Amino acid sequence: MPHRPAQGASDAHDKDGYLAALERLAAALGEASAAVGELARAADIQLAAGRERALMGPVEANPTAPRFLTANDVAAILQVDAKTVRRWRSEGKLPRALVVGGIVRWPEETIRAWVAERMEAGR
């Protein structure tokens, strides 16, 4: 027959020991959870940055890809305000823009050719 310790003070000491061990374990799990959360946030930031670079990376990453200009880009080339570019677009004074999902872009080659034509024509 297995030996069982006498009940009483020994059981209370065992319960205190178990509770203390559980508290230490809970604290360790809390710290581990916080560390995992920090790692996950850091990884998510890095993943998001990687996705953003992949989607919006510099054109130099693929020099043969056409470059599309925003209203601000066109404004910088023409040395006017972006509001002027938007107004000229609505008035039909600029080359036709590519519009996808409400995003307006002009092929850089088209804008540069349009500027060159106007310079040659003296307009």
PDB file of N, CA and C in Angstrom:
ATOM      1  N   MET A   1       0.833  -1.167   0.000  1.00  0.00           N
ATOM      2  CA  MET A   1       0.000   0.000   0.000  1.00  0.00           C
ATOM      3  C   MET A   1       0.887   1.243   0.000  1.00  0.00           C
ATOM      4  N   PRO A   2       0.563   2.236  -0.903  1.00  0.00           N
ATOM      5  CA  PRO A   2       1.390   3.432  -0.961  1.00  0.00           C
ATOM      6  C   PRO A   2       1.278   4.237   0.326  1.00  0.00           C
ATOM      7  N   HIS A   3       2.353   4.915   0.602  1.00  0.00           N
ATOM      8  CA  HIS A   3       2.412   5.725   1.808  1.00  0.00           C
ATOM      9  C   HIS A   3       1.795   7.093   1.533  1.00  0.00           C
ATOM     10  N   ARG A   4       0.881   7.506   2.371  1.00  0.00           N
ATOM     11  CA  ARG A   4       0.256   8.834   2.263  1.00  0.00           C
ATOM     12  C   ARG A   4       0.702   9.655   3.452  1.00  0.00           C
ATOM     13  N   PRO A   5       1.159  10.891   3.183  1.00  0.00           N
ATOM     14  CA  PRO A   5       1.535  11.724   4.317  1.00  0.00           C
ATOM     15  C   PRO A   5       0.314  12.078   5.142  1.00  0.00           C
ATOM     16  N   ALA A   6       0.543  12.360   6.372  1.00  0.00           N
ATOM     17  CA  ALA A   6      -0.541  12.732   7.276  1.00  0.00           C
ATOM     18  C   ALA A   6      -1.134  14.048   6.818  1.00  0.00           C
ATOM     19  N   GLN A   7      -2.452  14.144   6.929  1.00  0.00           N
ATOM     20  CA  GLN A   7      -3.127  15.369   6.529  1.00  0.00           C
ATOM     21  C   GLN A   7      -2.925  16.429   7.590  1.00  0.00           C
ATOM     22  N   GLY A   8      -3.229  17.654   7.236  1.00  0.00           N
ATOM     23  CA  GLY A   8      -3.111  18.718   8.208  1.00  0.00           C
ATOM     24  C   GLY A   8      -2.149  19.767   7.705  1.00  0.00           C
ATOM     25  N   ALA A   9      -1.106  20.042   8.494  1.00  0.00           N
ATOM     26  CA  ALA A   9      -0.144  21.083   8.172  1.00  0.00           C
ATOM     27  C   ALA A   9       0.550  20.786   6.865  1.00  0.00           C
ATOM     28  N   SER A  10       0.831  19.530   6.594  1.00  0.00           N
ATOM     29  CA  SER A  10       1.520  19.149   5.371  1.00  0.00           C
ATOM     30  C   SER A  10       0.683  19.489   4.145  1.00  0.00           C
ATOM     31  N   ASP A  11      -0.643  19.198   4.194  1.00  0.00           N
ATOM     32  CA  ASP A  11      -1.531  19.510   3.065  1.00  0.00           C
ATOM     33  C   ASP A  11      -1.601  21.013   2.828  1.00  0.00           C
ATOM     34  N   ALA A  12      -1.672  21.789   3.868  1.00  0.00           N
ATOM     35  CA  ALA A  12      -1.726  23.240   3.734  1.00  0.00           C
ATOM     36  C   ALA A  12      -0.443  23.745   3.086  1.00  0.00           C
ATOM     37  N   HIS A  13       0.694  23.174   3.496  1.00  0.00           N
ATOM     38  CA  HIS A  13       1.981  23.577   2.929  1.00  0.00           C
ATOM     39  C   HIS A  13       2.032  23.203   1.445  1.00  0.00           C
ATOM     40  N   ASP A  14       1.520  22.003   1.104  1.00  0.00           N
ATOM     41  CA  ASP A  14       1.486  21.587  -0.305  1.00  0.00           C
ATOM     42  C   ASP A  14       0.601  22.514  -1.138  1.00  0.00           C
ATOM     43  N   LYS A  15      -0.574  22.888  -0.602  1.00  0.00           N
ATOM     44  CA  LYS A  15      -1.486  23.782  -1.317  1.00  0.00           C
ATOM     45  C   LYS A  15      -0.828  25.140  -1.536  1.00  0.00           C
ATOM     46  N   ASP A  16      -0.143  25.645  -0.499  1.00  0.00           N
ATOM     47  CA  ASP A  16       0.549  26.927  -0.647  1.00  0.00           C
ATOM     48  C   ASP A  16       1.633  26.828  -1.716  1.00  0.00           C
ATOM     49  N   GLY A  17       2.321  25.707  -1.722  1.00  0.00           N
ATOM     50  CA  GLY A  17       3.368  25.489  -2.722  1.00  0.00           C
ATOM     51  C   GLY A  17       2.799  25.423  -4.132  1.00  0.00           C
ATOM     52  N   TYR A  18       1.668  24.708  -4.265  1.00  0.00           N
ATOM     53  CA  TYR A  18       1.020  24.612  -5.567  1.00  0.00           C
ATOM     54  C   TYR A  18       0.522  25.980  -6.018  1.00  0.00           C
ATOM     55  N   LEU A  19      -0.103  26.727  -5.117  1.00  0.00           N
ATOM     56  CA  LEU A  19      -0.611  28.056  -5.459  1.00  0.00           C
ATOM     57  C   LEU A  19       0.532  28.981  -5.868  1.00  0.00           C
ATOM     58  N   ALA A  20       1.626  28.918  -5.121  1.00  0.00           N
ATOM     59  CA  ALA A  20       2.777  29.748  -5.467  1.00  0.00           C
ATOM     60  C   ALA A  20       3.324  29.350  -6.833  1.00  0.00           C
ATOM     61  N   ALA A  21       3.386  28.052  -7.096  1.00  0.00           N
ATOM     62  CA  ALA A  21       3.879  27.586  -8.390  1.00  0.00           C
ATOM     63  C   ALA A  21       2.942  28.027  -9.514  1.00  0.00           C
ATOM     64  N   LEU A  22       1.630  27.942  -9.243  1.00  0.00           N
ATOM     65  CA  LEU A  22       0.661  28.385 -10.254  1.00  0.00           C
ATOM     66  C   LEU A  22       0.780  29.885 -10.502  1.00  0.00           C
ATOM     67  N   GLU A  23       0.982  30.653  -9.457  1.00  0.00           N
ATOM     68  CA  GLU A  23       1.151  32.099  -9.619  1.00  0.00           C
ATOM     69  C   GLU A  23       2.403  32.415 -10.439  1.00  0.00           C
ATOM     70  N   ARG A  24       3.503  31.705 -10.160  1.00  0.00           N
ATOM     71  CA  ARG A  24       4.725  31.910 -10.936  1.00  0.00           C
ATOM     72  C   ARG A  24       4.507  31.532 -12.397  1.00  0.00           C
ATOM     73  N   LEU A  25       3.802  30.422 -12.594  1.00  0.00           N
ATOM     74  CA  LEU A  25       3.507  29.983 -13.959  1.00  0.00           C
ATOM     75  C   LEU A  25       2.635  31.006 -14.681  1.00  0.00           C
ATOM     76  N   ALA A  26       1.611  31.514 -13.983  1.00  0.00           N
ATOM     77  CA  ALA A  26       0.732  32.521 -14.585  1.00  0.00           C
ATOM     78  C   ALA A  26       1.519  33.780 -14.949  1.00  0.00           C
ATOM     79  N   ALA A  27       2.426  34.210 -14.067  1.00  0.00           N
ATOM     80  CA  ALA A  27       3.249  35.389 -14.345  1.00  0.00           C
ATOM     81  C   ALA A  27       4.153  35.135 -15.545  1.00  0.00           C
ATOM     82  N   ALA A  28       4.754  33.949 -15.586  1.00  0.00           N
ATOM     83  CA  ALA A  28       5.636  33.610 -16.705  1.00  0.00           C
ATOM     84  C   ALA A  28       4.852  33.564 -18.009  1.00  0.00           C
ATOM     85  N   LEU A  29       3.652  33.000 -17.968  1.00  0.00           N
ATOM     86  CA  LEU A  29       2.814  32.949 -19.170  1.00  0.00           C
ATOM     87  C   LEU A  29       2.398  34.348 -19.601  1.00  0.00           C
ATOM     88  N   GLY A  30       2.108  35.210 -18.633  1.00  0.00           N
ATOM     89  CA  GLY A  30       1.761  36.596 -18.954  1.00  0.00           C
ATOM     90  C   GLY A  30       2.915  37.304 -19.636  1.00  0.00           C
ATOM     91  N   GLU A  31       4.129  37.112 -19.107  1.00  0.00           N
ATOM     92  CA  GLU A  31       5.312  37.723 -19.717  1.00  0.00           C
ATOM     93  C   GLU A  31       5.548  37.148 -21.117  1.00  0.00           C
ATOM     94  N   ALA A  32       5.383  35.839 -21.249  1.00  0.00           N
ATOM     95  CA  ALA A  32       5.575  35.205 -22.553  1.00  0.00           C
ATOM     96  C   ALA A  32       4.544  35.717 -23.555  1.00  0.00           C
ATOM     97  N   SER A  33       3.315  35.875 -23.082  1.00  0.00           N
ATOM     98  CA  SER A  33       2.254  36.376 -23.956  1.00  0.00           C
ATOM     99  C   SER A  33       2.564  37.796 -24.416  1.00  0.00           C
ATOM    100  N   ALA A  34       3.039  38.623 -23.496  1.00  0.00           N
ATOM    101  CA  ALA A  34       3.396  39.997 -23.857  1.00  0.00           C
ATOM    102  C   ALA A  34       4.536  39.999 -24.874  1.00  0.00           C
ATOM    103  N   ALA A  35       5.530  39.136 -24.663  1.00  0.00           N
ATOM    104  CA  ALA A  35       6.665  39.060 -25.589  1.00  0.00           C
ATOM    105  C   ALA A  35       6.202  38.591 -26.966  1.00  0.00           C
ATOM    106  N   VAL A  36       5.327  37.607 -27.005  1.00  0.00           N
ATOM    107  CA  VAL A  36       4.804  37.118 -28.284  1.00  0.00           C
ATOM    108  C   VAL A  36       4.018  38.225 -28.974  1.00  0.00           C
ATOM    109  N   GLY A  37       3.249  38.987 -28.191  1.00  0.00           N
ATOM    110  CA  GLY A  37       2.501  40.106 -28.765  1.00  0.00           C
ATOM    111  C   GLY A  37       3.424  41.142 -29.379  1.00  0.00           C
ATOM    112  N   GLU A  38       4.508  41.470 -28.686  1.00  0.00           N
ATOM    113  CA  GLU A  38       5.474  42.434 -29.215  1.00  0.00           C
ATOM    114  C   GLU A  38       6.106  41.909 -30.503  1.00  0.00           C
ATOM    115  N   LEU A  39       6.473  40.637 -30.495  1.00  0.00           N
ATOM    116  CA  LEU A  39       7.063  40.042 -31.699  1.00  0.00           C
ATOM    117  C   LEU A  39       6.074  40.054 -32.854  1.00  0.00           C
ATOM    118  N   ALA A  40       4.825  39.750 -32.552  1.00  0.00           N
ATOM    119  CA  ALA A  40       3.797  39.726 -33.595  1.00  0.00           C
ATOM    120  C   ALA A  40       3.597  41.112 -34.180  1.00  0.00           C
ATOM    121  N   ARG A  41       3.563  42.126 -33.299  1.00  0.00           N
ATOM    122  CA  ARG A  41       3.404  43.498 -33.796  1.00  0.00           C
ATOM    123  C   ARG A  41       4.607  43.895 -34.652  1.00  0.00           C
ATOM    124  N   ALA A  42       5.791  43.562 -34.196  1.00  0.00           N
ATOM    125  CA  ALA A  42       6.996  43.897 -34.967  1.00  0.00           C
ATOM    126  C   ALA A  42       6.984  43.173 -36.306  1.00  0.00           C
ATOM    127  N   ALA A  43       6.612  41.913 -36.286  1.00  0.00           N
ATOM    128  CA  ALA A  43       6.563  41.133 -37.532  1.00  0.00           C
ATOM    129  C   ALA A  43       5.501  41.694 -38.461  1.00  0.00           C
ATOM    130  N   ASP A  44       4.356  42.094 -37.899  1.00  0.00           N
ATOM    131  CA  ASP A  44       3.288  42.640 -38.726  1.00  0.00           C
ATOM    132  C   ASP A  44       3.733  43.950 -39.353  1.00  0.00           C
ATOM    133  N   ILE A  45       4.430  44.769 -38.589  1.00  0.00           N
ATOM    134  CA  ILE A  45       4.935  46.026 -39.136  1.00  0.00           C
ATOM    135  C   ILE A  45       5.920  45.728 -40.259  1.00  0.00           C
ATOM    136  N   GLN A  46       6.809  44.764 -40.039  1.00  0.00           N
ATOM    137  CA  GLN A  46       7.778  44.420 -41.070  1.00  0.00           C
ATOM    138  C   GLN A  46       7.085  43.821 -42.280  1.00  0.00           C
ATOM    139  N   LEU A  47       6.085  42.954 -42.049  1.00  0.00           N
ATOM    140  CA  LEU A  47       5.353  42.368 -43.167  1.00  0.00           C
ATOM    141  C   LEU A  47       4.594  43.441 -43.925  1.00  0.00           C
ATOM    142  N   ALA A  48       3.944  44.347 -43.189  1.00  0.00           N
ATOM    143  CA  ALA A  48       3.204  45.418 -43.849  1.00  0.00           C
ATOM    144  C   ALA A  48       4.141  46.285 -44.668  1.00  0.00           C
ATOM    145  N   ALA A  49       5.295  46.602 -44.110  1.00  0.00           N
ATOM    146  CA  ALA A  49       6.267  47.414 -44.850  1.00  0.00           C
ATOM    147  C   ALA A  49       6.739  46.675 -46.092  1.00  0.00           C
ATOM    148  N   GLY A  50       6.944  45.372 -45.968  1.00  0.00           N
ATOM    149  CA  GLY A  50       7.352  44.571 -47.118  1.00  0.00           C
ATOM    150  C   GLY A  50       6.280  44.541 -48.192  1.00  0.00           C
ATOM    151  N   ARG A  51       5.027  44.398 -47.772  1.00  0.00           N
ATOM    152  CA  ARG A  51       3.922  44.409 -48.738  1.00  0.00           C
ATOM    153  C   ARG A  51       3.832  45.768 -49.409  1.00  0.00           C
ATOM    154  N   GLU A  52       3.983  46.831 -48.615  1.00  0.00           N
ATOM    155  CA  GLU A  52       3.908  48.176 -49.173  1.00  0.00           C
ATOM    156  C   GLU A  52       5.026  48.410 -50.174  1.00  0.00           C
ATOM    157  N   ARG A  53       6.241  47.985 -49.824  1.00  0.00           N
ATOM    158  CA  ARG A  53       7.358  48.142 -50.761  1.00  0.00           C
ATOM    159  C   ARG A  53       7.096  47.352 -52.030  1.00  0.00           C
ATOM    160  N   ALA A  54       6.521  46.160 -51.881  1.00  0.00           N
ATOM    161  CA  ALA A  54       6.259  45.337 -53.062  1.00  0.00           C
ATOM    162  C   ALA A  54       5.202  45.995 -53.951  1.00  0.00           C
ATOM    163  N   LEU A  55       4.199  46.611 -53.337  1.00  0.00           N
ATOM    164  CA  LEU A  55       3.125  47.219 -54.111  1.00  0.00           C
ATOM    165  C   LEU A  55       3.466  48.623 -54.598  1.00  0.00           C
ATOM    166  N   MET A  56       4.141  49.380 -53.758  1.00  0.00           N
ATOM    167  CA  MET A  56       4.379  50.782 -54.060  1.00  0.00           C
ATOM    168  C   MET A  56       5.867  51.097 -54.179  1.00  0.00           C
ATOM    169  N   GLY A  57       6.656  50.063 -54.414  1.00  0.00           N
ATOM    170  CA  GLY A  57       8.102  50.229 -54.445  1.00  0.00           C
ATOM    171  C   GLY A  57       8.543  51.214 -55.502  1.00  0.00           C
ATOM    172  N   PRO A  58       9.771  51.628 -55.403  1.00  0.00           N
ATOM    173  CA  PRO A  58      10.282  52.601 -56.363  1.00  0.00           C
ATOM    174  C   PRO A  58      10.299  52.040 -57.776  1.00  0.00           C
ATOM    175  N   VAL A  59      10.105  52.920 -58.728  1.00  0.00           N
ATOM    176  CA  VAL A  59      10.089  52.519 -60.128  1.00  0.00           C
ATOM    177  C   VAL A  59      11.445  51.957 -60.525  1.00  0.00           C
ATOM    178  N   GLU A  60      12.507  52.428 -59.874  1.00  0.00           N
ATOM    179  CA  GLU A  60      13.848  51.966 -60.204  1.00  0.00           C
ATOM    180  C   GLU A  60      13.983  50.452 -60.022  1.00  0.00           C
ATOM    181  N   ALA A  61      13.094  49.860 -59.231  1.00  0.00           N
ATOM    182  CA  ALA A  61      13.135  48.412 -59.033  1.00  0.00           C
ATOM    183  C   ALA A  61      12.900  47.691 -60.363  1.00  0.00           C
ATOM    184  N   ASN A  62      12.146  48.311 -61.260  1.00  0.00           N
ATOM    185  CA  ASN A  62      11.897  47.751 -62.582  1.00  0.00           C
ATOM    186  C   ASN A  62      11.975  48.901 -63.582  1.00  0.00           C
ATOM    187  N   PRO A  63      13.153  49.193 -64.086  1.00  0.00           N
ATOM    188  CA  PRO A  63      13.323  50.367 -64.939  1.00  0.00           C
ATOM    189  C   PRO A  63      12.530  50.328 -66.234  1.00  0.00           C
ATOM    190  N   THR A  64      12.072  49.161 -66.655  1.00  0.00           N
ATOM    191  CA  THR A  64      11.311  49.083 -67.901  1.00  0.00           C
ATOM    192  C   THR A  64       9.818  49.328 -67.691  1.00  0.00           C
ATOM    193  N   ALA A  65       9.374  49.328 -66.437  1.00  0.00           N
ATOM    194  CA  ALA A  65       7.953  49.549 -66.155  1.00  0.00           C
ATOM    195  C   ALA A  65       7.610  51.019 -66.376  1.00  0.00           C
ATOM    196  N   PRO A  66       6.444  51.294 -66.942  1.00  0.00           N
ATOM    197  CA  PRO A  66       6.061  52.695 -67.127  1.00  0.00           C
ATOM    198  C   PRO A  66       5.826  53.354 -65.773  1.00  0.00           C
ATOM    199  N   ARG A  67       6.109  54.630 -65.692  1.00  0.00           N
ATOM    200  CA  ARG A  67       5.904  55.368 -64.454  1.00  0.00           C
ATOM    201  C   ARG A  67       4.637  56.182 -64.604  1.00  0.00           C
ATOM    202  N   PHE A  68       3.805  56.143 -63.573  1.00  0.00           N
ATOM    203  CA  PHE A  68       2.561  56.890 -63.579  1.00  0.00           C
ATOM    204  C   PHE A  68       2.654  58.032 -62.580  1.00  0.00           C
ATOM    205  N   LEU A  69       2.180  59.188 -62.990  1.00  0.00           N
ATOM    206  CA  LEU A  69       2.309  60.402 -62.189  1.00  0.00           C
ATOM    207  C   LEU A  69       1.008  60.777 -61.504  1.00  0.00           C
ATOM    208  N   THR A  70       1.125  61.295 -60.295  1.00  0.00           N
ATOM    209  CA  THR A  70      -0.018  61.829 -59.572  1.00  0.00           C
ATOM    210  C   THR A  70      -0.235  63.274 -60.000  1.00  0.00           C
ATOM    211  N   ALA A  71      -1.314  63.880 -59.527  1.00  0.00           N
ATOM    212  CA  ALA A  71      -1.547  65.302 -59.802  1.00  0.00           C
ATOM    213  C   ALA A  71      -0.409  66.137 -59.227  1.00  0.00           C
ATOM    214  N   ASN A  72       0.107  65.742 -58.081  1.00  0.00           N
ATOM    215  CA  ASN A  72       1.240  66.472 -57.492  1.00  0.00           C
ATOM    216  C   ASN A  72       2.485  66.353 -58.363  1.00  0.00           C
ATOM    217  N   ASP A  73       2.723  65.173 -58.928  1.00  0.00           N
ATOM    218  CA  ASP A  73       3.872  64.976 -59.818  1.00  0.00           C
ATOM    219  C   ASP A  73       3.747  65.857 -61.061  1.00  0.00           C
ATOM    220  N   VAL A  74       2.567  65.847 -61.661  1.00  0.00           N
ATOM    221  CA  VAL A  74       2.333  66.655 -62.868  1.00  0.00           C
ATOM    222  C   VAL A  74       2.473  68.132 -62.515  1.00  0.00           C
ATOM    223  N   ALA A  75       1.959  68.528 -61.363  1.00  0.00           N
ATOM    224  CA  ALA A  75       2.064  69.918 -60.923  1.00  0.00           C
ATOM    225  C   ALA A  75       3.523  70.333 -60.774  1.00  0.00           C
ATOM    226  N   ALA A  76       4.351  69.442 -60.255  1.00  0.00           N
ATOM    227  CA  ALA A  76       5.775  69.759 -60.102  1.00  0.00           C
ATOM    228  C   ALA A  76       6.440  69.938 -61.460  1.00  0.00           C
ATOM    229  N   ILE A  77       6.090  69.104 -62.423  1.00  0.00           N
ATOM    230  CA  ILE A  77       6.665  69.221 -63.771  1.00  0.00           C
ATOM    231  C   ILE A  77       6.242  70.543 -64.412  1.00  0.00           C
ATOM    232  N   LEU A  78       4.960  70.886 -64.254  1.00  0.00           N
ATOM    233  CA  LEU A  78       4.423  72.097 -64.887  1.00  0.00           C
ATOM    234  C   LEU A  78       4.635  73.352 -64.035  1.00  0.00           C
ATOM    235  N   GLN A  79       5.113  73.155 -62.830  1.00  0.00           N
ATOM    236  CA  GLN A  79       5.344  74.254 -61.883  1.00  0.00           C
ATOM    237  C   GLN A  79       4.074  75.053 -61.613  1.00  0.00           C
ATOM    238  N   VAL A  80       3.014  74.290 -61.324  1.00  0.00           N
ATOM    239  CA  VAL A  80       1.732  74.875 -60.932  1.00  0.00           C
ATOM    240  C   VAL A  80       1.234  74.125 -59.705  1.00  0.00           C
ATOM    241  N   ASP A  81       0.143  74.579 -59.149  1.00  0.00           N
ATOM    242  CA  ASP A  81      -0.452  73.922 -57.998  1.00  0.00           C
ATOM    243  C   ASP A  81      -1.215  72.674 -58.445  1.00  0.00           C
ATOM    244  N   ALA A  82      -1.295  71.684 -57.571  1.00  0.00           N
ATOM    245  CA  ALA A  82      -2.019  70.447 -57.889  1.00  0.00           C
ATOM    246  C   ALA A  82      -3.497  70.723 -58.168  1.00  0.00           C
ATOM    247  N   LYS A  83      -4.060  71.752 -57.529  1.00  0.00           N
ATOM    248  CA  LYS A  83      -5.465  72.112 -57.797  1.00  0.00           C
ATOM    249  C   LYS A  83      -5.618  72.561 -59.250  1.00  0.00           C
ATOM    250  N   THR A  84      -4.611  73.246 -59.758  1.00  0.00           N
ATOM    251  CA  THR A  84      -4.639  73.686 -61.155  1.00  0.00           C
ATOM    252  C   THR A  84      -4.625  72.479 -62.081  1.00  0.00           C
ATOM    253  N   VAL A  85      -3.801  71.497 -61.759  1.00  0.00           N
ATOM    254  CA  VAL A  85      -3.749  70.266 -62.568  1.00  0.00           C
ATOM    255  C   VAL A  85      -5.112  69.592 -62.561  1.00  0.00           C
ATOM    256  N   ARG A  86      -5.732  69.506 -61.411  1.00  0.00           N
ATOM    257  CA  ARG A  86      -7.063  68.864 -61.330  1.00  0.00           C
ATOM    258  C   ARG A  86      -8.102  69.658 -62.137  1.00  0.00           C
ATOM    259  N   ARG A  87      -8.035  70.977 -62.058  1.00  0.00           N
ATOM    260  CA  ARG A  87      -8.975  71.807 -62.816  1.00  0.00           C
ATOM    261  C   ARG A  87      -8.736  71.639 -64.314  1.00  0.00           C
ATOM    262  N   TRP A  88      -7.462  71.691 -64.736  1.00  0.00           N
ATOM    263  CA  TRP A  88      -7.149  71.516 -66.144  1.00  0.00           C
ATOM    264  C   TRP A  88      -7.615  70.158 -66.646  1.00  0.00           C
ATOM    265  N   ARG A  89      -7.490  69.150 -65.805  1.00  0.00           N
ATOM    266  CA  ARG A  89      -7.960  67.812 -66.191  1.00  0.00           C
ATOM    267  C   ARG A  89      -9.466  67.833 -66.430  1.00  0.00           C
ATOM    268  N   SER A  90     -10.211  68.450 -65.495  1.00  0.00           N
ATOM    269  CA  SER A  90     -11.674  68.481 -65.634  1.00  0.00           C
ATOM    270  C   SER A  90     -12.099  69.327 -66.830  1.00  0.00           C
ATOM    271  N   GLU A  91     -11.267  70.305 -67.214  1.00  0.00           N
ATOM    272  CA  GLU A  91     -11.559  71.153 -68.376  1.00  0.00           C
ATOM    273  C   GLU A  91     -11.071  70.531 -69.682  1.00  0.00           C
ATOM    274  N   GLY A  92     -10.390  69.371 -69.582  1.00  0.00           N
ATOM    275  CA  GLY A  92      -9.904  68.693 -70.775  1.00  0.00           C
ATOM    276  C   GLY A  92      -8.640  69.310 -71.362  1.00  0.00           C
ATOM    277  N   LYS A  93      -7.924  70.084 -70.586  1.00  0.00           N
ATOM    278  CA  LYS A  93      -6.718  70.753 -71.084  1.00  0.00           C
ATOM    279  C   LYS A  93      -5.471  69.880 -70.992  1.00  0.00           C
ATOM    280  N   LEU A  94      -5.541  68.794 -70.276  1.00  0.00           N
ATOM    281  CA  LEU A  94      -4.408  67.878 -70.110  1.00  0.00           C
ATOM    282  C   LEU A  94      -4.661  66.588 -70.880  1.00  0.00           C
ATOM    283  N   PRO A  95      -3.616  65.838 -71.163  1.00  0.00           N
ATOM    284  CA  PRO A  95      -3.836  64.519 -71.772  1.00  0.00           C
ATOM    285  C   PRO A  95      -4.729  63.671 -70.873  1.00  0.00           C
ATOM    286  N   ARG A  96      -5.374  62.754 -71.512  1.00  0.00           N
ATOM    287  CA  ARG A  96      -6.287  61.872 -70.781  1.00  0.00           C
ATOM    288  C   ARG A  96      -5.530  61.069 -69.724  1.00  0.00           C
ATOM    289  N   ALA A  97      -6.126  60.982 -68.541  1.00  0.00           N
ATOM    290  CA  ALA A  97      -5.510  60.261 -67.418  1.00  0.00           C
ATOM    291  C   ALA A  97      -6.093  58.859 -67.322  1.00  0.00           C
ATOM    292  N   LEU A  98      -5.343  58.001 -66.672  1.00  0.00           N
ATOM    293  CA  LEU A  98      -5.804  56.653 -66.353  1.00  0.00           C
ATOM    294  C   LEU A  98      -6.489  56.730 -64.998  1.00  0.00           C
ATOM    295  N   VAL A  99      -7.732  56.259 -64.919  1.00  0.00           N
ATOM    296  CA  VAL A  99      -8.470  56.296 -63.662  1.00  0.00           C
ATOM    297  C   VAL A  99      -8.878  54.875 -63.314  1.00  0.00           C
ATOM    298  N   VAL A 100      -8.406  54.403 -62.172  1.00  0.00           N
ATOM    299  CA  VAL A 100      -8.755  53.061 -61.696  1.00  0.00           C
ATOM    300  C   VAL A 100      -9.198  53.192 -60.247  1.00  0.00           C
ATOM    301  N   GLY A 101     -10.438  52.825 -59.989  1.00  0.00           N
ATOM    302  CA  GLY A 101     -10.948  52.893 -58.622  1.00  0.00           C
ATOM    303  C   GLY A 101     -10.897  54.291 -58.037  1.00  0.00           C
ATOM    304  N   GLY A 102     -11.073  55.302 -58.869  1.00  0.00           N
ATOM    305  CA  GLY A 102     -11.042  56.681 -58.397  1.00  0.00           C
ATOM    306  C   GLY A 102      -9.643  57.266 -58.280  1.00  0.00           C
ATOM    307  N   ILE A 103      -8.619  56.451 -58.536  1.00  0.00           N
ATOM    308  CA  ILE A 103      -7.230  56.918 -58.491  1.00  0.00           C
ATOM    309  C   ILE A 103      -6.858  57.422 -59.886  1.00  0.00           C
ATOM    310  N   VAL A 104      -6.366  58.658 -59.947  1.00  0.00           N
ATOM    311  CA  VAL A 104      -6.037  59.297 -61.223  1.00  0.00           C
ATOM    312  C   VAL A 104      -4.525  59.321 -61.390  1.00  0.00           C
ATOM    313  N   ARG A 105      -4.060  58.815 -62.528  1.00  0.00           N
ATOM    314  CA  ARG A 105      -2.627  58.808 -62.843  1.00  0.00           C
ATOM    315  C   ARG A 105      -2.436  59.093 -64.330  1.00  0.00           C
ATOM    316  N   TRP A 106      -1.306  59.750 -64.618  1.00  0.00           N
ATOM    317  CA  TRP A 106      -0.921  60.015 -65.994  1.00  0.00           C
ATOM    318  C   TRP A 106       0.368  59.266 -66.303  1.00  0.00           C
ATOM    319  N   PRO A 107       0.462  58.614 -67.463  1.00  0.00           N
ATOM    320  CA  PRO A 107       1.749  58.022 -67.843  1.00  0.00           C
ATOM    321  C   PRO A 107       2.776  59.144 -67.997  1.00  0.00           C
ATOM    322  N   GLU A 108       3.923  58.975 -67.395  1.00  0.00           N
ATOM    323  CA  GLU A 108       4.953  60.021 -67.431  1.00  0.00           C
ATOM    324  C   GLU A 108       5.326  60.374 -68.870  1.00  0.00           C
ATOM    325  N   GLU A 109       5.464  59.359 -69.711  1.00  0.00           N
ATOM    326  CA  GLU A 109       5.826  59.601 -71.113  1.00  0.00           C
ATOM    327  C   GLU A 109       4.817  60.514 -71.799  1.00  0.00           C
ATOM    328  N   THR A 110       3.537  60.320 -71.495  1.00  0.00           N
ATOM    329  CA  THR A 110       2.475  61.117 -72.109  1.00  0.00           C
ATOM    330  C   THR A 110       2.586  62.575 -71.687  1.00  0.00           C
ATOM    331  N   ILE A 111       2.821  62.806 -70.405  1.00  0.00           N
ATOM    332  CA  ILE A 111       2.930  64.182 -69.910  1.00  0.00           C
ATOM    333  C   ILE A 111       4.171  64.857 -70.486  1.00  0.00           C
ATOM    334  N   ARG A 112       5.282  64.132 -70.492  1.00  0.00           N
ATOM    335  CA  ARG A 112       6.527  64.718 -71.026  1.00  0.00           C
ATOM    336  C   ARG A 112       6.385  65.034 -72.522  1.00  0.00           C
ATOM    337  N   ALA A 113       5.734  64.145 -73.278  1.00  0.00           N
ATOM    338  CA  ALA A 113       5.506  64.391 -74.707  1.00  0.00           C
ATOM    339  C   ALA A 113       4.571  65.581 -74.902  1.00  0.00           C
ATOM    340  N   TRP A 114       3.548  65.682 -74.082  1.00  0.00           N
ATOM    341  CA  TRP A 114       2.590  66.788 -74.150  1.00  0.00           C
ATOM    342  C   TRP A 114       3.294  68.118 -73.885  1.00  0.00           C
ATOM    343  N   VAL A 115       4.174  68.151 -72.886  1.00  0.00           N
ATOM    344  CA  VAL A 115       4.939  69.365 -72.578  1.00  0.00           C
ATOM    345  C   VAL A 115       5.849  69.714 -73.759  1.00  0.00           C
ATOM    346  N   ALA A 116       6.535  68.708 -74.313  1.00  0.00           N
ATOM    347  CA  ALA A 116       7.449  68.947 -75.436  1.00  0.00           C
ATOM    348  C   ALA A 116       6.701  69.496 -76.643  1.00  0.00           C
ATOM    349  N   GLU A 117       5.515  68.968 -76.935  1.00  0.00           N
ATOM    350  CA  GLU A 117       4.705  69.456 -78.054  1.00  0.00           C
ATOM    351  C   GLU A 117       4.347  70.930 -77.873  1.00  0.00           C
ATOM    352  N   ARG A 118       3.979  71.281 -76.662  1.00  0.00           N
ATOM    353  CA  ARG A 118       3.591  72.662 -76.390  1.00  0.00           C
ATOM    354  C   ARG A 118       4.788  73.607 -76.465  1.00  0.00           C
ATOM    355  N   MET A 119       5.933  73.103 -76.053  1.00  0.00           N
ATOM    356  CA  MET A 119       7.137  73.933 -76.133  1.00  0.00           C
ATOM    357  C   MET A 119       7.519  74.176 -77.605  1.00  0.00           C
ATOM    358  N   GLU A 120       7.392  73.132 -78.410  1.00  0.00           N
ATOM    359  CA  GLU A 120       7.707  73.270 -79.853  1.00  0.00           C
ATOM    360  C   GLU A 120       6.728  74.199 -80.543  1.00  0.00           C
ATOM    361  N   ALA A 121       5.458  74.085 -80.161  1.00  0.00           N
ATOM    362  CA  ALA A 121       4.423  74.899 -80.784  1.00  0.00           C
ATOM    363  C   ALA A 121       4.414  76.319 -80.235  1.00  0.00           C
ATOM    364  N   GLY A 122       5.126  76.551 -79.143  1.00  0.00           N
ATOM    365  CA  GLY A 122       5.161  77.892 -78.544  1.00  0.00           C
ATOM    366  C   GLY A 122       3.889  78.248 -77.803  1.00  0.00           C
ATOM    367  N   ARG A 123       3.156  77.218 -77.339  1.00  0.00           N
ATOM    368  CA  ARG A 123       1.913  77.479 -76.618  1.00  0.00           C
ATOM    369  C   ARG A 123       2.146  77.478 -75.148  1.00  0.00           C
TER     370      ARG A 123
END
